[in-house]
Amino acid sequence: MNGTITAIYENGVLRPLTPLGLPEHTQVELQLIQPVAAEDERQQVRQVLITAGLIRPQTIAEVPEPISEAALDAATQALGQTGPLSDLIIADREGR
């Protein structure tokens, strides 16, 4: 049997997560590869894509200041007096 299996190391013993189908006392050779964390893998892929010029690095935008309750109320009042938003969009498209 050749292939890759997943095992957990507990109390000094490697425990396969699936049955191996080997006769008892079969000697095997192990190659240990510790899994890469998903976030590390994403960072590596992102860096390769940036280096290849396929994507640009993300820039962090400044977080806008929250709108005050008074400003929100004023905007609500102004929008309420103009009618439905769809009418405003249609009027804007028609140049009215």
N, C-alpha and C. Protein backbone atom coordinates (compact mmCIF):
# COMPACT_ATOMS: atom_id res chain seq x y z
N MET A 1 0.85 -1.17 0.00
CA MET A 1 0.00 0.00 0.00
C MET A 1 0.89 1.23 0.00
N ASN A 2 0.72 2.09 -1.00
CA ASN A 2 1.41 3.38 -1.06
C ASN A 2 0.34 4.47 -1.09
N GLY A 3 0.67 5.61 -0.56
CA GLY A 3 -0.27 6.72 -0.58
C GLY A 3 -0.11 7.62 0.62
N THR A 4 -0.99 8.55 0.72
CA THR A 4 -0.96 9.52 1.81
C THR A 4 -2.15 9.27 2.72
N ILE A 5 -1.89 9.30 4.01
CA ILE A 5 -2.96 9.17 5.00
C ILE A 5 -2.86 10.35 5.95
N THR A 6 -3.92 10.58 6.68
CA THR A 6 -3.92 11.61 7.72
C THR A 6 -3.96 10.90 9.06
N ALA A 7 -3.12 11.37 9.97
CA ALA A 7 -3.05 10.75 11.30
C ALA A 7 -2.95 11.85 12.35
N ILE A 8 -3.28 11.50 13.56
CA ILE A 8 -3.16 12.41 14.70
C ILE A 8 -2.12 11.85 15.65
N TYR A 9 -1.27 12.73 16.15
CA TYR A 9 -0.23 12.32 17.09
C TYR A 9 -0.78 12.53 18.50
N GLU A 10 -0.96 11.44 19.25
CA GLU A 10 -1.51 11.49 20.61
C GLU A 10 -0.70 10.59 21.52
N ASN A 11 -0.30 11.10 22.66
CA ASN A 11 0.40 10.31 23.66
C ASN A 11 1.57 9.52 23.08
N GLY A 12 2.32 10.14 22.17
CA GLY A 12 3.49 9.49 21.61
C GLY A 12 3.22 8.49 20.52
N VAL A 13 1.98 8.41 20.04
CA VAL A 13 1.62 7.42 19.02
C VAL A 13 0.89 8.13 17.88
N LEU A 14 1.25 7.75 16.63
CA LEU A 14 0.50 8.24 15.47
C LEU A 14 -0.73 7.37 15.28
N ARG A 15 -1.91 7.98 15.25
CA ARG A 15 -3.16 7.25 15.08
C ARG A 15 -3.79 7.64 13.76
N PRO A 16 -3.85 6.72 12.77
CA PRO A 16 -4.48 7.02 11.48
C PRO A 16 -5.96 7.34 11.67
N LEU A 17 -6.47 8.26 10.85
CA LEU A 17 -7.88 8.61 10.93
C LEU A 17 -8.77 7.69 10.11
N THR A 18 -8.15 6.88 9.24
CA THR A 18 -8.89 5.89 8.45
C THR A 18 -8.15 4.55 8.54
N PRO A 19 -8.87 3.44 8.38
CA PRO A 19 -8.21 2.13 8.42
C PRO A 19 -7.19 2.02 7.28
N LEU A 20 -6.06 1.37 7.57
CA LEU A 20 -4.99 1.26 6.59
C LEU A 20 -5.06 -0.01 5.75
N GLY A 21 -5.70 -1.02 6.24
CA GLY A 21 -5.79 -2.28 5.48
C GLY A 21 -4.45 -2.99 5.38
N LEU A 22 -3.62 -2.88 6.40
CA LEU A 22 -2.32 -3.55 6.42
C LEU A 22 -2.36 -4.70 7.42
N PRO A 23 -1.61 -5.74 7.16
CA PRO A 23 -1.52 -6.82 8.15
C PRO A 23 -0.82 -6.29 9.41
N GLU A 24 -1.15 -6.88 10.55
CA GLU A 24 -0.53 -6.49 11.82
C GLU A 24 0.99 -6.61 11.72
N HIS A 25 1.69 -5.73 12.36
CA HIS A 25 3.14 -5.68 12.47
C HIS A 25 3.85 -5.38 11.15
N THR A 26 3.11 -4.85 10.16
CA THR A 26 3.74 -4.45 8.91
C THR A 26 4.59 -3.21 9.17
N GLN A 27 5.82 -3.24 8.68
CA GLN A 27 6.70 -2.09 8.85
C GLN A 27 6.45 -1.12 7.70
N VAL A 28 6.33 0.16 8.02
CA VAL A 28 6.09 1.19 7.01
C VAL A 28 7.09 2.32 7.20
N GLU A 29 7.28 3.14 6.17
CA GLU A 29 8.09 4.33 6.27
C GLU A 29 7.16 5.53 6.25
N LEU A 30 7.46 6.50 7.10
CA LEU A 30 6.61 7.68 7.20
C LEU A 30 7.37 8.92 6.75
N GLN A 31 6.68 9.78 6.05
CA GLN A 31 7.21 11.09 5.72
C GLN A 31 6.26 12.09 6.39
N LEU A 32 6.76 12.86 7.33
CA LEU A 32 5.91 13.78 8.08
C LEU A 32 5.87 15.13 7.39
N ILE A 33 4.66 15.60 7.12
CA ILE A 33 4.43 16.92 6.53
C ILE A 33 3.36 17.58 7.38
N GLN A 34 3.75 18.64 8.06
CA GLN A 34 2.78 19.34 8.90
C GLN A 34 1.92 20.24 8.01
N PRO A 35 0.59 20.14 8.13
CA PRO A 35 -0.29 20.94 7.27
C PRO A 35 -0.06 22.44 7.50
N VAL A 36 -0.18 23.19 6.41
CA VAL A 36 -0.08 24.65 6.48
C VAL A 36 -1.44 25.18 6.87
N ALA A 37 -1.46 26.15 7.76
CA ALA A 37 -2.73 26.77 8.16
C ALA A 37 -3.37 27.41 6.93
N ALA A 38 -4.68 27.36 6.86
CA ALA A 38 -5.41 27.88 5.70
C ALA A 38 -5.08 29.35 5.45
N GLU A 39 -4.98 30.16 6.47
CA GLU A 39 -4.69 31.58 6.28
C GLU A 39 -3.28 31.77 5.73
N ASP A 40 -2.31 31.00 6.21
CA ASP A 40 -0.95 31.08 5.69
C ASP A 40 -0.95 30.72 4.20
N GLU A 41 -1.70 29.71 3.84
CA GLU A 41 -1.77 29.28 2.45
C GLU A 41 -2.38 30.38 1.58
N ARG A 42 -3.43 31.02 2.06
CA ARG A 42 -4.05 32.12 1.32
C ARG A 42 -3.06 33.27 1.13
N GLN A 43 -2.30 33.58 2.18
CA GLN A 43 -1.30 34.65 2.09
C GLN A 43 -0.24 34.31 1.05
N GLN A 44 0.19 33.05 1.02
CA GLN A 44 1.20 32.64 0.05
C GLN A 44 0.67 32.76 -1.38
N VAL A 45 -0.55 32.32 -1.59
CA VAL A 45 -1.15 32.41 -2.92
C VAL A 45 -1.30 33.87 -3.32
N ARG A 46 -1.78 34.69 -2.40
CA ARG A 46 -1.95 36.13 -2.67
C ARG A 46 -0.61 36.76 -3.06
N GLN A 47 0.46 36.41 -2.34
CA GLN A 47 1.77 36.98 -2.64
C GLN A 47 2.28 36.55 -4.00
N VAL A 48 2.06 35.30 -4.38
CA VAL A 48 2.46 34.82 -5.70
C VAL A 48 1.71 35.59 -6.79
N LEU A 49 0.41 35.81 -6.60
CA LEU A 49 -0.39 36.54 -7.59
C LEU A 49 0.05 38.00 -7.69
N ILE A 50 0.40 38.62 -6.58
CA ILE A 50 0.89 40.00 -6.58
C ILE A 50 2.22 40.07 -7.31
N THR A 51 3.13 39.14 -6.99
CA THR A 51 4.45 39.11 -7.62
C THR A 51 4.33 38.92 -9.12
N ALA A 52 3.37 38.10 -9.55
CA ALA A 52 3.17 37.85 -10.98
C ALA A 52 2.46 39.01 -11.67
N GLY A 53 2.00 39.99 -10.90
CA GLY A 53 1.31 41.14 -11.48
C GLY A 53 -0.13 40.86 -11.85
N LEU A 54 -0.68 39.78 -11.34
CA LEU A 54 -2.06 39.42 -11.67
C LEU A 54 -3.08 40.14 -10.80
N ILE A 55 -2.67 40.51 -9.60
CA ILE A 55 -3.54 41.30 -8.72
C ILE A 55 -2.69 42.38 -8.06
N ARG A 56 -3.38 43.41 -7.54
CA ARG A 56 -2.68 44.46 -6.80
C ARG A 56 -2.92 44.27 -5.31
N PRO A 57 -1.96 44.72 -4.49
CA PRO A 57 -2.18 44.61 -3.04
C PRO A 57 -3.40 45.43 -2.63
N GLN A 58 -4.11 44.92 -1.65
CA GLN A 58 -5.26 45.65 -1.14
C GLN A 58 -4.80 46.83 -0.31
N THR A 59 -5.46 47.95 -0.50
CA THR A 59 -5.17 49.10 0.35
C THR A 59 -6.27 49.21 1.38
N ILE A 60 -5.88 49.59 2.56
CA ILE A 60 -6.86 49.71 3.63
C ILE A 60 -7.39 51.14 3.63
N ALA A 61 -8.67 51.26 3.36
CA ALA A 61 -9.30 52.58 3.33
C ALA A 61 -9.56 53.07 4.75
N GLU A 62 -9.57 54.38 4.88
CA GLU A 62 -9.88 54.94 6.19
C GLU A 62 -11.35 54.69 6.50
N VAL A 63 -11.62 54.42 7.74
CA VAL A 63 -12.99 54.18 8.17
C VAL A 63 -13.67 55.54 8.33
N PRO A 64 -14.80 55.75 7.64
CA PRO A 64 -15.46 57.05 7.74
C PRO A 64 -16.07 57.25 9.14
N GLU A 65 -16.22 58.50 9.49
CA GLU A 65 -16.86 58.82 10.76
C GLU A 65 -18.33 58.44 10.67
N PRO A 66 -18.90 57.92 11.74
CA PRO A 66 -20.32 57.58 11.70
C PRO A 66 -21.18 58.84 11.58
N ILE A 67 -22.33 58.68 10.94
CA ILE A 67 -23.26 59.79 10.77
C ILE A 67 -23.99 60.03 12.09
N SER A 68 -24.10 61.29 12.45
CA SER A 68 -24.80 61.61 13.70
C SER A 68 -26.30 61.38 13.51
N GLU A 69 -26.98 61.23 14.60
CA GLU A 69 -28.44 61.04 14.55
C GLU A 69 -29.11 62.25 13.92
N ALA A 70 -28.62 63.46 14.22
CA ALA A 70 -29.21 64.69 13.67
C ALA A 70 -29.05 64.72 12.15
N ALA A 71 -27.85 64.36 11.65
CA ALA A 71 -27.62 64.36 10.21
C ALA A 71 -28.47 63.29 9.53
N LEU A 72 -28.62 62.16 10.16
CA LEU A 72 -29.45 61.09 9.62
C LEU A 72 -30.91 61.51 9.55
N ASP A 73 -31.40 62.16 10.60
CA ASP A 73 -32.78 62.66 10.61
C ASP A 73 -32.98 63.69 9.51
N ALA A 74 -32.01 64.61 9.33
CA ALA A 74 -32.12 65.64 8.29
C ALA A 74 -32.17 65.00 6.91
N ALA A 75 -31.35 64.00 6.67
CA ALA A 75 -31.34 63.32 5.38
C ALA A 75 -32.65 62.59 5.15
N THR A 76 -33.18 61.98 6.18
CA THR A 76 -34.46 61.28 6.07
C THR A 76 -35.57 62.25 5.72
N GLN A 77 -35.58 63.38 6.39
CA GLN A 77 -36.60 64.40 6.11
C GLN A 77 -36.49 64.89 4.66
N ALA A 78 -35.26 65.18 4.20
CA ALA A 78 -35.06 65.69 2.85
C ALA A 78 -35.50 64.67 1.81
N LEU A 79 -35.15 63.41 2.01
CA LEU A 79 -35.55 62.37 1.06
C LEU A 79 -37.05 62.15 1.08
N GLY A 80 -37.66 62.26 2.26
CA GLY A 80 -39.10 62.07 2.38
C GLY A 80 -39.89 63.13 1.64
N GLN A 81 -39.35 64.33 1.50
CA GLN A 81 -40.05 65.43 0.84
C GLN A 81 -39.95 65.36 -0.68
N THR A 82 -38.98 64.63 -1.20
CA THR A 82 -38.77 64.60 -2.65
C THR A 82 -39.55 63.51 -3.34
N GLY A 83 -40.13 62.59 -2.63
CA GLY A 83 -40.89 61.52 -3.24
C GLY A 83 -40.06 60.25 -3.35
N PRO A 84 -40.59 59.27 -4.08
CA PRO A 84 -39.89 57.99 -4.19
C PRO A 84 -38.53 58.15 -4.88
N LEU A 85 -37.58 57.39 -4.44
CA LEU A 85 -36.23 57.43 -5.00
C LEU A 85 -36.24 57.07 -6.48
N SER A 86 -37.11 56.15 -6.88
CA SER A 86 -37.18 55.76 -8.29
C SER A 86 -37.56 56.95 -9.16
N ASP A 87 -38.46 57.84 -8.67
CA ASP A 87 -38.83 59.04 -9.43
C ASP A 87 -37.63 59.97 -9.58
N LEU A 88 -36.82 60.09 -8.54
CA LEU A 88 -35.63 60.94 -8.61
C LEU A 88 -34.65 60.41 -9.65
N ILE A 89 -34.47 59.08 -9.69
CA ILE A 89 -33.55 58.48 -10.64
C ILE A 89 -34.04 58.69 -12.07
N ILE A 90 -35.34 58.48 -12.29
CA ILE A 90 -35.90 58.67 -13.63
C ILE A 90 -35.77 60.12 -14.07
N ALA A 91 -36.07 61.04 -13.15
CA ALA A 91 -35.96 62.48 -13.48
C ALA A 91 -34.51 62.84 -13.80
N ASP A 92 -33.58 62.28 -13.06
CA ASP A 92 -32.16 62.58 -13.30
C ASP A 92 -31.73 62.05 -14.67
N ARG A 93 -32.21 60.89 -15.03
CA ARG A 93 -31.85 60.31 -16.32
C ARG A 93 -32.45 61.13 -17.48
N GLU A 94 -33.63 61.68 -17.24
CA GLU A 94 -34.29 62.47 -18.29
C GLU A 94 -33.83 63.92 -18.30
N GLY A 95 -32.96 64.27 -17.34
CA GLY A 95 -32.42 65.63 -17.30
C GLY A 95 -33.37 66.65 -16.71
N ARG A 96 -34.33 66.19 -15.92
CA ARG A 96 -35.27 67.14 -15.30
C ARG A 96 -34.74 67.67 -14.01
